[in-house]
Amino acid sequence: MGRFWMDQYMRILDAESTAAALPYAELVPALVKVAQQLRQGEINAPERMVVEIDKASVLLCMPAVAADIGMTKLITVHANNAQYQLPAIQGEVVVFDAASGRRLALLHGPTVTARRTAAVSLLGIEALLPSKPKSAFLIGTGVQAIAHADGLAEYFGVTEFWVAARDLEKTQAFCAALQQRHPQIAVKAMAAAALATDLPHTDVVIALTTSRTAVIPVSIAATTLAIGVGAFKPDMVEFPAELLHSRTVVVDCLAGAKHEAGDLLQAQIDWSKVRELPDVLAHGFVRQAVLPVYKTVGQAAWDLAAARVAIASLDLYKPA
């Protein structure tokens, strides 16, 4: 069982308790509210600070403040941590009352990141896909792939999954574990090399890798929504340039994408034509014969949305 305890000021949640406090059914609406407040200038969420620790390690600092609460997410990424039998990503989210600074909660940072990132994808699907998805293709088998599979199954009721990654044996193990987590779904493993010639038709294709070469096929169907999640540095690529230039591009955070979305940077996208998710939510998206592509890079305001959901579930604070 997950557990939390309370000191004089705040509750401290482990990974399991943090996940339980962040149901997708509540996360997605919380993101909608935050997107609206961002457009209205009611949330102060500067671009994340990246501090180099060494050539393989960085410290990420992501603060955001609204009228009700504020939070700071501190994450360290140590790419070589396998040698120490430690996770590459570690961190926490500190949540405080904006009026007094009183600490409310300390959340498990990687869990917040995984679930709010998946929720941002779910929100994009809701905004950009004409109907609720029934099938999904996931490229990657890491933490984000697990979170996205959980979100798709729990929030939309997706029952058909295909999964591909470089290591077929690892992909098959991932699919077996996913089937055990969600007995109602059908899931099939595929070799990544087969995607160019044997890509099944699905409602969504989601890339969740740290690849430096495109992993999403150019030839996806016009009625398939392609989402790129994993490439978060200028030298990382999941979308092929040809696909980006053939479709409307929507991003979750325009300022962040201009610095971090390697797919878009390397493809030399015309930024004046890129749509931002908060704008799409406010004004809608004109339906087209060919669906757009959706690129997410994340931002602190999405973490603030997650923090609101978590502290509300603990009855620590009731947002207005």
C-alpha atoms as a PDB file:
ATOM      1  CA  MET A   1       0.000   0.000   0.000  1.00  0.00           C
ATOM      2  CA  GLY A   2       1.074   3.546  -0.625  1.00  0.00           C
ATOM      3  CA  ARG A   3       1.533   5.673   2.436  1.00  0.00           C
ATOM      4  CA  PHE A   4       1.745   9.270   3.492  1.00  0.00           C
ATOM      5  CA  TRP A   5       2.496  10.910   6.773  1.00  0.00           C
ATOM      6  CA  MET A   6       2.057  14.388   8.126  1.00  0.00           C
ATOM      7  CA  ASP A   7       4.614  16.597   9.808  1.00  0.00           C
ATOM      8  CA  GLN A   8       3.886  20.006  11.256  1.00  0.00           C
ATOM      9  CA  TYR A   9       3.439  21.578   7.866  1.00  0.00           C
ATOM     10  CA  MET A  10       2.809  19.170   5.035  1.00  0.00           C
ATOM     11  CA  ARG A  11       1.935  15.688   3.858  1.00  0.00           C
ATOM     12  CA  ILE A  12       4.622  13.666   2.171  1.00  0.00           C
ATOM     13  CA  LEU A  13       3.462  11.180  -0.447  1.00  0.00           C
ATOM     14  CA  ASP A  14       5.418   8.292  -1.920  1.00  0.00           C
ATOM     15  CA  ALA A  15       5.089   7.185  -5.564  1.00  0.00           C
ATOM     16  CA  GLU A  16       2.042   4.996  -5.017  1.00  0.00           C
ATOM     17  CA  SER A  17       0.162   7.560  -2.927  1.00  0.00           C
ATOM     18  CA  THR A  18       0.994  10.305  -5.442  1.00  0.00           C
ATOM     19  CA  ALA A  19      -0.411   8.193  -8.278  1.00  0.00           C
ATOM     20  CA  ALA A  20      -3.574   7.461  -6.291  1.00  0.00           C
ATOM     21  CA  ALA A  21      -4.038  11.204  -5.697  1.00  0.00           C
ATOM     22  CA  LEU A  22      -3.865  11.967  -9.433  1.00  0.00           C
ATOM     23  CA  PRO A  23      -6.709  10.159 -11.240  1.00  0.00           C
ATOM     24  CA  TYR A  24      -6.847  10.963 -14.948  1.00  0.00           C
ATOM     25  CA  ALA A  25     -10.557  11.779 -14.726  1.00  0.00           C
ATOM     26  CA  GLU A  26      -9.623  14.748 -12.536  1.00  0.00           C
ATOM     27  CA  LEU A  27      -6.254  15.619 -14.054  1.00  0.00           C
ATOM     28  CA  VAL A  28      -7.592  16.382 -17.534  1.00  0.00           C
ATOM     29  CA  PRO A  29     -10.252  18.904 -16.376  1.00  0.00           C
ATOM     30  CA  ALA A  30      -7.648  20.495 -14.080  1.00  0.00           C
ATOM     31  CA  LEU A  31      -5.398  21.016 -17.106  1.00  0.00           C
ATOM     32  CA  VAL A  32      -8.260  22.695 -18.982  1.00  0.00           C
ATOM     33  CA  LYS A  33      -8.658  25.191 -16.137  1.00  0.00           C
ATOM     34  CA  VAL A  34      -4.924  25.875 -15.985  1.00  0.00           C
ATOM     35  CA  ALA A  35      -4.766  26.396 -19.759  1.00  0.00           C
ATOM     36  CA  GLN A  36      -7.510  29.006 -19.449  1.00  0.00           C
ATOM     37  CA  GLN A  37      -5.711  30.748 -16.589  1.00  0.00           C
ATOM     38  CA  LEU A  38      -2.458  30.778 -18.557  1.00  0.00           C
ATOM     39  CA  ARG A  39      -4.150  32.605 -21.433  1.00  0.00           C
ATOM     40  CA  GLN A  40      -5.603  35.119 -18.960  1.00  0.00           C
ATOM     41  CA  GLY A  41      -2.248  35.749 -17.304  1.00  0.00           C
ATOM     42  CA  GLU A  42      -3.377  34.328 -13.965  1.00  0.00           C
ATOM     43  CA  ILE A  43      -0.507  31.866 -13.585  1.00  0.00           C
ATOM     44  CA  ASN A  44       3.161  32.776 -13.428  1.00  0.00           C
ATOM     45  CA  ALA A  45       5.118  29.825 -14.846  1.00  0.00           C
ATOM     46  CA  PRO A  46       8.549  30.800 -16.172  1.00  0.00           C
ATOM     47  CA  GLU A  47      10.451  28.475 -18.476  1.00  0.00           C
ATOM     48  CA  ARG A  48      12.213  25.716 -16.614  1.00  0.00           C
ATOM     49  CA  MET A  49      15.760  26.246 -15.434  1.00  0.00           C
ATOM     50  CA  VAL A  50      18.258  23.607 -16.555  1.00  0.00           C
ATOM     51  CA  VAL A  51      21.478  23.371 -14.535  1.00  0.00           C
ATOM     52  CA  GLU A  52      24.226  21.043 -15.708  1.00  0.00           C
ATOM     53  CA  ILE A  53      25.577  18.703 -13.054  1.00  0.00           C
ATOM     54  CA  ASP A  54      27.955  16.858 -15.382  1.00  0.00           C
ATOM     55  CA  LYS A  55      27.948  15.826 -19.043  1.00  0.00           C
ATOM     56  CA  ALA A  56      25.376  13.102 -18.374  1.00  0.00           C
ATOM     57  CA  SER A  57      23.347  14.789 -15.620  1.00  0.00           C
ATOM     58  CA  VAL A  58      21.138  17.851 -15.149  1.00  0.00           C
ATOM     59  CA  LEU A  59      19.035  19.521 -12.480  1.00  0.00           C
ATOM     60  CA  LEU A  60      15.643  20.819 -13.637  1.00  0.00           C
ATOM     61  CA  CYS A  61      13.760  23.472 -11.665  1.00  0.00           C
ATOM     62  CA  MET A  62      10.141  24.242 -12.627  1.00  0.00           C
ATOM     63  CA  PRO A  63       8.186  26.762 -10.502  1.00  0.00           C
ATOM     64  CA  ALA A  64       4.612  27.976 -11.009  1.00  0.00           C
ATOM     65  CA  VAL A  65       2.386  30.243  -8.912  1.00  0.00           C
ATOM     66  CA  ALA A  66      -1.356  30.928  -9.042  1.00  0.00           C
ATOM     67  CA  ALA A  67      -3.717  32.796  -6.711  1.00  0.00           C
ATOM     68  CA  ASP A  68      -4.489  29.674  -4.666  1.00  0.00           C
ATOM     69  CA  ILE A  69      -1.274  27.628  -4.582  1.00  0.00           C
ATOM     70  CA  GLY A  70       2.293  27.599  -5.816  1.00  0.00           C
ATOM     71  CA  MET A  71       4.657  24.726  -6.457  1.00  0.00           C
ATOM     72  CA  THR A  72       8.191  23.945  -7.494  1.00  0.00           C
ATOM     73  CA  LYS A  73       9.260  20.717  -9.140  1.00  0.00           C
ATOM     74  CA  LEU A  74      12.899  19.712  -8.691  1.00  0.00           C
ATOM     75  CA  ILE A  75      14.089  16.877 -10.897  1.00  0.00           C
ATOM     76  CA  THR A  76      17.524  15.378 -11.415  1.00  0.00           C
ATOM     77  CA  VAL A  77      18.275  13.346 -14.521  1.00  0.00           C
ATOM     78  CA  HIS A  78      21.350  11.124 -14.286  1.00  0.00           C
ATOM     79  CA  ALA A  79      21.659   9.182 -17.525  1.00  0.00           C
ATOM     80  CA  ASN A  80      24.284   6.794 -16.115  1.00  0.00           C
ATOM     81  CA  ASN A  81      22.421   5.788 -12.959  1.00  0.00           C
ATOM     82  CA  ALA A  82      21.961   2.189 -14.058  1.00  0.00           C
ATOM     83  CA  GLN A  83      25.493   1.537 -12.768  1.00  0.00           C
ATOM     84  CA  TYR A  84      24.252   2.452  -9.276  1.00  0.00           C
ATOM     85  CA  GLN A  85      20.951   0.531  -9.614  1.00  0.00           C
ATOM     86  CA  LEU A  86      19.126   3.844  -9.311  1.00  0.00           C
ATOM     87  CA  PRO A  87      16.452   5.421 -11.533  1.00  0.00           C
ATOM     88  CA  ALA A  88      17.677   8.014 -14.018  1.00  0.00           C
ATOM     89  CA  ILE A  89      14.955  10.475 -12.978  1.00  0.00           C
ATOM     90  CA  GLN A  90      14.468  11.424  -9.330  1.00  0.00           C
ATOM     91  CA  GLY A  91      12.763  14.388  -7.718  1.00  0.00           C
ATOM     92  CA  GLU A  92       9.884  15.946  -5.833  1.00  0.00           C
ATOM     93  CA  VAL A  93       7.157  18.575  -6.103  1.00  0.00           C
ATOM     94  CA  VAL A  94       6.764  21.005  -3.204  1.00  0.00           C
ATOM     95  CA  VAL A  95       3.260  22.491  -2.967  1.00  0.00           C
ATOM     96  CA  PHE A  96       2.469  25.540  -0.837  1.00  0.00           C
ATOM     97  CA  ASP A  97      -0.397  27.877  -0.044  1.00  0.00           C
ATOM     98  CA  ALA A  98       0.085  31.058  -2.078  1.00  0.00           C
ATOM     99  CA  ALA A  99      -1.376  33.358   0.583  1.00  0.00           C
ATOM    100  CA  SER A 100       0.858  32.240   3.450  1.00  0.00           C
ATOM    101  CA  GLY A 101       3.612  30.080   2.000  1.00  0.00           C
ATOM    102  CA  ARG A 102       2.507  27.232   4.291  1.00  0.00           C
ATOM    103  CA  ARG A 103       3.782  23.949   2.865  1.00  0.00           C
ATOM    104  CA  LEU A 104       0.915  21.658   1.941  1.00  0.00           C
ATOM    105  CA  ALA A 105       2.436  18.595   0.326  1.00  0.00           C
ATOM    106  CA  LEU A 106       5.583  16.973  -0.971  1.00  0.00           C
ATOM    107  CA  LEU A 107       4.728  14.803  -3.995  1.00  0.00           C
ATOM    108  CA  HIS A 108       6.797  12.167  -5.776  1.00  0.00           C
ATOM    109  CA  GLY A 109       8.234  14.113  -8.723  1.00  0.00           C
ATOM    110  CA  PRO A 110       8.640  11.369 -11.369  1.00  0.00           C
ATOM    111  CA  THR A 111       5.076  10.167 -10.716  1.00  0.00           C
ATOM    112  CA  VAL A 112       3.688  13.691 -11.087  1.00  0.00           C
ATOM    113  CA  THR A 113       5.643  14.090 -14.323  1.00  0.00           C
ATOM    114  CA  ALA A 114       4.501  10.762 -15.758  1.00  0.00           C
ATOM    115  CA  ARG A 115       0.818  11.254 -14.999  1.00  0.00           C
ATOM    116  CA  ARG A 116       0.503  14.927 -15.923  1.00  0.00           C
ATOM    117  CA  THR A 117       2.407  14.288 -19.182  1.00  0.00           C
ATOM    118  CA  ALA A 118       0.011  11.501 -20.072  1.00  0.00           C
ATOM    119  CA  ALA A 119      -2.901  13.754 -19.122  1.00  0.00           C
ATOM    120  CA  VAL A 120      -1.598  16.495 -21.451  1.00  0.00           C
ATOM    121  CA  SER A 121      -1.655  13.914 -24.247  1.00  0.00           C
ATOM    122  CA  LEU A 122      -5.192  12.877 -23.290  1.00  0.00           C
ATOM    123  CA  LEU A 123      -6.294  16.511 -23.381  1.00  0.00           C
ATOM    124  CA  GLY A 124      -4.736  16.959 -26.829  1.00  0.00           C
ATOM    125  CA  ILE A 125      -6.540  13.858 -28.074  1.00  0.00           C
ATOM    126  CA  GLU A 126      -9.804  15.185 -26.679  1.00  0.00           C
ATOM    127  CA  ALA A 127      -9.280  18.530 -28.402  1.00  0.00           C
ATOM    128  CA  LEU A 128      -7.931  17.328 -31.758  1.00  0.00           C
ATOM    129  CA  LEU A 129      -9.485  13.933 -32.500  1.00  0.00           C
ATOM    130  CA  PRO A 130     -13.043  14.048 -33.894  1.00  0.00           C
ATOM    131  CA  SER A 131     -14.231  11.142 -31.757  1.00  0.00           C
ATOM    132  CA  LYS A 132     -13.124   9.185 -28.720  1.00  0.00           C
ATOM    133  CA  PRO A 133     -10.212   6.870 -29.597  1.00  0.00           C
ATOM    134  CA  LYS A 134     -10.664   3.109 -29.506  1.00  0.00           C
ATOM    135  CA  SER A 135      -7.149   2.057 -30.532  1.00  0.00           C
ATOM    136  CA  ALA A 136      -3.606   3.284 -29.927  1.00  0.00           C
ATOM    137  CA  PHE A 137      -0.073   2.526 -31.064  1.00  0.00           C
ATOM    138  CA  LEU A 138       2.678   3.246 -28.533  1.00  0.00           C
ATOM    139  CA  ILE A 139       6.317   3.555 -29.587  1.00  0.00           C
ATOM    140  CA  GLY A 140       8.494   2.973 -26.528  1.00  0.00           C
ATOM    141  CA  THR A 141       8.273   0.874 -23.366  1.00  0.00           C
ATOM    142  CA  GLY A 142       9.456   3.227 -20.628  1.00  0.00           C
ATOM    143  CA  VAL A 143       7.718   4.986 -17.751  1.00  0.00           C
ATOM    144  CA  GLN A 144       5.844   7.328 -20.080  1.00  0.00           C
ATOM    145  CA  ALA A 145       4.557   4.410 -22.146  1.00  0.00           C
ATOM    146  CA  ILE A 146       3.101   2.852 -18.991  1.00  0.00           C
ATOM    147  CA  ALA A 147       1.476   6.138 -17.932  1.00  0.00           C
ATOM    148  CA  HIS A 148       0.018   6.738 -21.389  1.00  0.00           C
ATOM    149  CA  ALA A 149      -1.352   3.207 -21.653  1.00  0.00           C
ATOM    150  CA  ASP A 150      -2.967   3.591 -18.224  1.00  0.00           C
ATOM    151  CA  GLY A 151      -4.419   6.956 -19.180  1.00  0.00           C
ATOM    152  CA  LEU A 152      -5.794   5.785 -22.535  1.00  0.00           C
ATOM    153  CA  ALA A 153      -7.401   2.728 -20.952  1.00  0.00           C
ATOM    154  CA  GLU A 154      -8.792   4.524 -17.895  1.00  0.00           C
ATOM    155  CA  TYR A 155      -9.847   7.855 -19.403  1.00  0.00           C
ATOM    156  CA  PHE A 156     -11.022   6.875 -22.888  1.00  0.00           C
ATOM    157  CA  GLY A 157     -11.603   3.165 -22.462  1.00  0.00           C
ATOM    158  CA  VAL A 158      -9.182   2.265 -25.262  1.00  0.00           C
ATOM    159  CA  THR A 159      -9.187  -1.521 -25.669  1.00  0.00           C
ATOM    160  CA  GLU A 160      -6.829  -2.118 -28.619  1.00  0.00           C
ATOM    161  CA  PHE A 161      -3.104  -1.462 -28.232  1.00  0.00           C
ATOM    162  CA  TRP A 162      -0.027  -2.081 -30.328  1.00  0.00           C
ATOM    163  CA  VAL A 163       3.415  -1.467 -28.866  1.00  0.00           C
ATOM    164  CA  ALA A 164       6.773  -1.249 -30.645  1.00  0.00           C
ATOM    165  CA  ALA A 165      10.332  -0.686 -29.444  1.00  0.00           C
ATOM    166  CA  ARG A 166      13.859  -1.618 -30.483  1.00  0.00           C
ATOM    167  CA  ASP A 167      14.061  -4.647 -28.183  1.00  0.00           C
ATOM    168  CA  LEU A 168      11.281  -7.063 -29.176  1.00  0.00           C
ATOM    169  CA  GLU A 169      11.741  -9.277 -26.106  1.00  0.00           C
ATOM    170  CA  LYS A 170      11.428  -6.268 -23.804  1.00  0.00           C
ATOM    171  CA  THR A 171       8.399  -5.099 -25.796  1.00  0.00           C
ATOM    172  CA  GLN A 172       6.705  -8.470 -25.360  1.00  0.00           C
ATOM    173  CA  ALA A 173       7.350  -8.344 -21.616  1.00  0.00           C
ATOM    174  CA  PHE A 174       5.900  -4.822 -21.493  1.00  0.00           C
ATOM    175  CA  CYS A 175       2.774  -6.005 -23.316  1.00  0.00           C
ATOM    176  CA  ALA A 176       2.345  -8.938 -20.952  1.00  0.00           C
ATOM    177  CA  ALA A 177       2.576  -6.626 -17.937  1.00  0.00           C
ATOM    178  CA  LEU A 178       0.143  -4.182 -19.557  1.00  0.00           C
ATOM    179  CA  GLN A 179      -2.327  -6.984 -20.210  1.00  0.00           C
ATOM    180  CA  GLN A 180      -2.115  -7.962 -16.556  1.00  0.00           C
ATOM    181  CA  ARG A 181      -2.747  -4.357 -15.455  1.00  0.00           C
ATOM    182  CA  HIS A 182      -5.741  -4.027 -17.800  1.00  0.00           C
ATOM    183  CA  PRO A 183      -7.303  -7.454 -18.434  1.00  0.00           C
ATOM    184  CA  GLN A 184     -10.003  -5.964 -20.655  1.00  0.00           C
ATOM    185  CA  ILE A 185      -7.597  -4.802 -23.376  1.00  0.00           C
ATOM    186  CA  ALA A 186      -5.987  -6.534 -26.352  1.00  0.00           C
ATOM    187  CA  VAL A 187      -2.309  -5.690 -26.825  1.00  0.00           C
ATOM    188  CA  LYS A 188       0.177  -6.818 -29.451  1.00  0.00           C
ATOM    189  CA  ALA A 189       3.955  -6.339 -29.588  1.00  0.00           C
ATOM    190  CA  MET A 190       5.706  -5.351 -32.817  1.00  0.00           C
ATOM    191  CA  ALA A 191       9.323  -4.950 -33.832  1.00  0.00           C
ATOM    192  CA  ALA A 192      10.232  -1.304 -34.434  1.00  0.00           C
ATOM    193  CA  ALA A 193      11.777  -2.218 -37.774  1.00  0.00           C
ATOM    194  CA  ALA A 194       8.362  -3.360 -39.033  1.00  0.00           C
ATOM    195  CA  LEU A 195       6.713   0.056 -38.619  1.00  0.00           C
ATOM    196  CA  ALA A 196       7.818   1.358 -42.008  1.00  0.00           C
ATOM    197  CA  THR A 197       5.990  -1.424 -43.862  1.00  0.00           C
ATOM    198  CA  ASP A 198       3.462  -2.926 -41.458  1.00  0.00           C
ATOM    199  CA  LEU A 199       1.991  -0.099 -39.371  1.00  0.00           C
ATOM    200  CA  PRO A 200      -1.527  -0.999 -38.223  1.00  0.00           C
ATOM    201  CA  HIS A 201      -4.221   1.654 -38.529  1.00  0.00           C
ATOM    202  CA  THR A 202      -5.025   3.159 -35.116  1.00  0.00           C
ATOM    203  CA  ASP A 203      -6.746   6.301 -33.898  1.00  0.00           C
ATOM    204  CA  VAL A 204      -3.567   7.600 -32.261  1.00  0.00           C
ATOM    205  CA  VAL A 205       0.168   6.953 -32.573  1.00  0.00           C
ATOM    206  CA  ILE A 206       2.223   8.151 -29.601  1.00  0.00           C
ATOM    207  CA  ALA A 207       6.029   8.246 -29.565  1.00  0.00           C
ATOM    208  CA  LEU A 208       7.580   8.018 -26.092  1.00  0.00           C
ATOM    209  CA  THR A 209      11.291   7.677 -26.756  1.00  0.00           C
ATOM    210  CA  THR A 210      14.552   9.596 -26.497  1.00  0.00           C
ATOM    211  CA  SER A 211      15.446   8.794 -30.098  1.00  0.00           C
ATOM    212  CA  ARG A 212      17.705  10.975 -32.212  1.00  0.00           C
ATOM    213  CA  THR A 213      16.177   9.719 -35.456  1.00  0.00           C
ATOM    214  CA  ALA A 214      12.505   9.707 -36.453  1.00  0.00           C
ATOM    215  CA  VAL A 215      10.473   6.795 -35.058  1.00  0.00           C
ATOM    216  CA  ILE A 216       6.996   7.841 -36.240  1.00  0.00           C
ATOM    217  CA  PRO A 217       6.414   6.622 -39.814  1.00  0.00           C
ATOM    218  CA  VAL A 218       5.752   9.195 -42.517  1.00  0.00           C
ATOM    219  CA  SER A 219       2.920   7.107 -43.913  1.00  0.00           C
ATOM    220  CA  ILE A 220       0.469   7.232 -41.015  1.00  0.00           C
ATOM    221  CA  ALA A 221      -3.167   7.536 -42.049  1.00  0.00           C
ATOM    222  CA  ALA A 222      -4.748  10.963 -42.481  1.00  0.00           C
ATOM    223  CA  THR A 223      -7.273  10.020 -39.784  1.00  0.00           C
ATOM    224  CA  THR A 224      -4.594   9.086 -37.238  1.00  0.00           C
ATOM    225  CA  LEU A 225      -3.448  11.658 -34.683  1.00  0.00           C
ATOM    226  CA  ALA A 226       0.331  11.464 -34.182  1.00  0.00           C
ATOM    227  CA  ILE A 227       1.720  12.635 -30.841  1.00  0.00           C
ATOM    228  CA  GLY A 228       5.380  13.159 -29.964  1.00  0.00           C
ATOM    229  CA  VAL A 229       6.186  13.110 -26.250  1.00  0.00           C
ATOM    230  CA  GLY A 230       9.671  11.776 -25.644  1.00  0.00           C
ATOM    231  CA  ALA A 231      11.999  14.086 -27.580  1.00  0.00           C
ATOM    232  CA  PHE A 232      12.729  16.903 -25.129  1.00  0.00           C
ATOM    233  CA  LYS A 233      16.112  18.154 -26.339  1.00  0.00           C
ATOM    234  CA  PRO A 234      17.153  19.933 -29.567  1.00  0.00           C
ATOM    235  CA  ASP A 235      19.120  16.865 -30.696  1.00  0.00           C
ATOM    236  CA  MET A 236      16.199  14.438 -30.204  1.00  0.00           C
ATOM    237  CA  VAL A 237      13.737  13.542 -32.960  1.00  0.00           C
ATOM    238  CA  GLU A 238      10.578  11.418 -33.100  1.00  0.00           C
ATOM    239  CA  PHE A 239       8.657  13.037 -35.980  1.00  0.00           C
ATOM    240  CA  PRO A 240       9.969  12.842 -39.557  1.00  0.00           C
ATOM    241  CA  ALA A 241      10.304  16.315 -41.079  1.00  0.00           C
ATOM    242  CA  GLU A 242       8.119  15.339 -44.036  1.00  0.00           C
ATOM    243  CA  LEU A 243       5.186  14.560 -41.743  1.00  0.00           C
ATOM    244  CA  LEU A 244       5.585  17.822 -39.836  1.00  0.00           C
ATOM    245  CA  HIS A 245       5.555  19.851 -43.042  1.00  0.00           C
ATOM    246  CA  SER A 246       2.466  18.061 -44.352  1.00  0.00           C
ATOM    247  CA  ARG A 247       0.215  18.680 -41.356  1.00  0.00           C
ATOM    248  CA  THR A 248      -0.814  21.422 -38.949  1.00  0.00           C
ATOM    249  CA  VAL A 249       1.411  21.369 -35.857  1.00  0.00           C
ATOM    250  CA  VAL A 250      -0.054  21.862 -32.373  1.00  0.00           C
ATOM    251  CA  VAL A 251       2.161  22.143 -29.272  1.00  0.00           C
ATOM    252  CA  ASP A 252       1.314  22.186 -25.583  1.00  0.00           C
ATOM    253  CA  CYS A 253       3.707  25.072 -24.850  1.00  0.00           C
ATOM    254  CA  LEU A 254       4.992  27.287 -27.649  1.00  0.00           C
ATOM    255  CA  ALA A 255       7.795  28.960 -25.681  1.00  0.00           C
ATOM    256  CA  GLY A 256       9.157  25.638 -24.502  1.00  0.00           C
ATOM    257  CA  ALA A 257       8.854  24.014 -27.919  1.00  0.00           C
ATOM    258  CA  LYS A 258      10.991  26.731 -29.489  1.00  0.00           C
ATOM    259  CA  HIS A 259      13.871  25.695 -27.225  1.00  0.00           C
ATOM    260  CA  GLU A 260      13.324  21.982 -26.661  1.00  0.00           C
ATOM    261  CA  ALA A 261      11.338  20.357 -29.482  1.00  0.00           C
ATOM    262  CA  GLY A 262      14.159  18.864 -31.525  1.00  0.00           C
ATOM    263  CA  ASP A 263      11.700  17.466 -34.061  1.00  0.00           C
ATOM    264  CA  LEU A 264      10.359  20.921 -34.902  1.00  0.00           C
ATOM    265  CA  LEU A 265      13.704  22.698 -34.654  1.00  0.00           C
ATOM    266  CA  GLN A 266      15.505  20.315 -36.980  1.00  0.00           C
ATOM    267  CA  ALA A 267      12.607  20.367 -39.454  1.00  0.00           C
ATOM    268  CA  GLN A 268      12.795  24.193 -39.465  1.00  0.00           C
ATOM    269  CA  ILE A 269       9.076  24.542 -38.857  1.00  0.00           C
ATOM    270  CA  ASP A 270       7.416  27.902 -39.537  1.00  0.00           C
ATOM    271  CA  TRP A 271       6.570  28.878 -35.953  1.00  0.00           C
ATOM    272  CA  SER A 272       3.984  31.429 -37.086  1.00  0.00           C
ATOM    273  CA  LYS A 273       1.793  28.538 -38.230  1.00  0.00           C
ATOM    274  CA  VAL A 274       2.128  26.456 -35.066  1.00  0.00           C
ATOM    275  CA  ARG A 275      -0.942  26.354 -32.808  1.00  0.00           C
ATOM    276  CA  GLU A 276      -0.692  26.250 -29.018  1.00  0.00           C
ATOM    277  CA  LEU A 277      -2.988  23.982 -26.979  1.00  0.00           C
ATOM    278  CA  PRO A 278      -4.451  26.698 -24.691  1.00  0.00           C
ATOM    279  CA  ASP A 279      -5.435  28.661 -27.824  1.00  0.00           C
ATOM    280  CA  VAL A 280      -7.004  25.557 -29.384  1.00  0.00           C
ATOM    281  CA  LEU A 281      -9.011  24.939 -26.209  1.00  0.00           C
ATOM    282  CA  ALA A 282     -10.207  28.550 -26.174  1.00  0.00           C
ATOM    283  CA  HIS A 283     -11.082  28.892 -29.863  1.00  0.00           C
ATOM    284  CA  GLY A 284     -11.504  25.342 -31.099  1.00  0.00           C
ATOM    285  CA  PHE A 285      -9.818  23.527 -33.958  1.00  0.00           C
ATOM    286  CA  VAL A 286     -11.251  23.589 -37.469  1.00  0.00           C
ATOM    287  CA  ARG A 287     -11.678  19.993 -38.534  1.00  0.00           C
ATOM    288  CA  GLN A 288      -9.558  19.016 -41.518  1.00  0.00           C
ATOM    289  CA  ALA A 289      -9.412  15.937 -43.745  1.00  0.00           C
ATOM    290  CA  VAL A 290      -5.876  15.358 -42.480  1.00  0.00           C
ATOM    291  CA  LEU A 291      -5.483  15.394 -38.703  1.00  0.00           C
ATOM    292  CA  PRO A 292      -2.765  17.576 -37.130  1.00  0.00           C
ATOM    293  CA  VAL A 293       0.303  16.383 -35.274  1.00  0.00           C
ATOM    294  CA  TYR A 294       0.697  17.189 -31.602  1.00  0.00           C
ATOM    295  CA  LYS A 295       4.024  17.802 -29.874  1.00  0.00           C
ATOM    296  CA  THR A 296       4.375  18.131 -26.088  1.00  0.00           C
ATOM    297  CA  VAL A 297       7.371  19.390 -24.134  1.00  0.00           C
ATOM    298  CA  GLY A 298       5.764  20.068 -20.763  1.00  0.00           C
ATOM    299  CA  GLN A 299       5.756  23.104 -18.517  1.00  0.00           C
ATOM    300  CA  ALA A 300       5.396  23.951 -14.840  1.00  0.00           C
ATOM    301  CA  ALA A 301       1.768  25.036 -15.157  1.00  0.00           C
ATOM    302  CA  TRP A 302       0.814  21.433 -15.950  1.00  0.00           C
ATOM    303  CA  ASP A 303       2.509  20.376 -12.707  1.00  0.00           C
ATOM    304  CA  LEU A 304       0.541  23.039 -10.846  1.00  0.00           C
ATOM    305  CA  ALA A 305      -2.664  21.496 -12.222  1.00  0.00           C
ATOM    306  CA  ALA A 306      -1.551  18.131 -10.867  1.00  0.00           C
ATOM    307  CA  ALA A 307      -0.687  19.687  -7.507  1.00  0.00           C
ATOM    308  CA  ARG A 308      -4.209  21.105  -7.255  1.00  0.00           C
ATOM    309  CA  VAL A 309      -5.727  17.693  -7.873  1.00  0.00           C
ATOM    310  CA  ALA A 310      -3.461  16.038  -5.321  1.00  0.00           C
ATOM    311  CA  ILE A 311      -4.044  18.457  -2.457  1.00  0.00           C
ATOM    312  CA  ALA A 312      -7.797  18.517  -3.123  1.00  0.00           C
ATOM    313  CA  SER A 313      -7.828  14.718  -2.778  1.00  0.00           C
ATOM    314  CA  LEU A 314      -6.145  15.108   0.629  1.00  0.00           C
ATOM    315  CA  ASP A 315      -8.631  17.777   1.775  1.00  0.00           C
ATOM    316  CA  LEU A 316      -5.746  20.164   2.395  1.00  0.00           C
ATOM    317  CA  TYR A 317      -7.029  22.970   0.222  1.00  0.00           C
ATOM    318  CA  LYS A 318     -10.142  23.549  -1.858  1.00  0.00           C
ATOM    319  CA  PRO A 319      -9.315  25.585  -4.998  1.00  0.00           C
ATOM    320  CA  ALA A 320     -11.873  28.207  -5.904  1.00  0.00           C
END
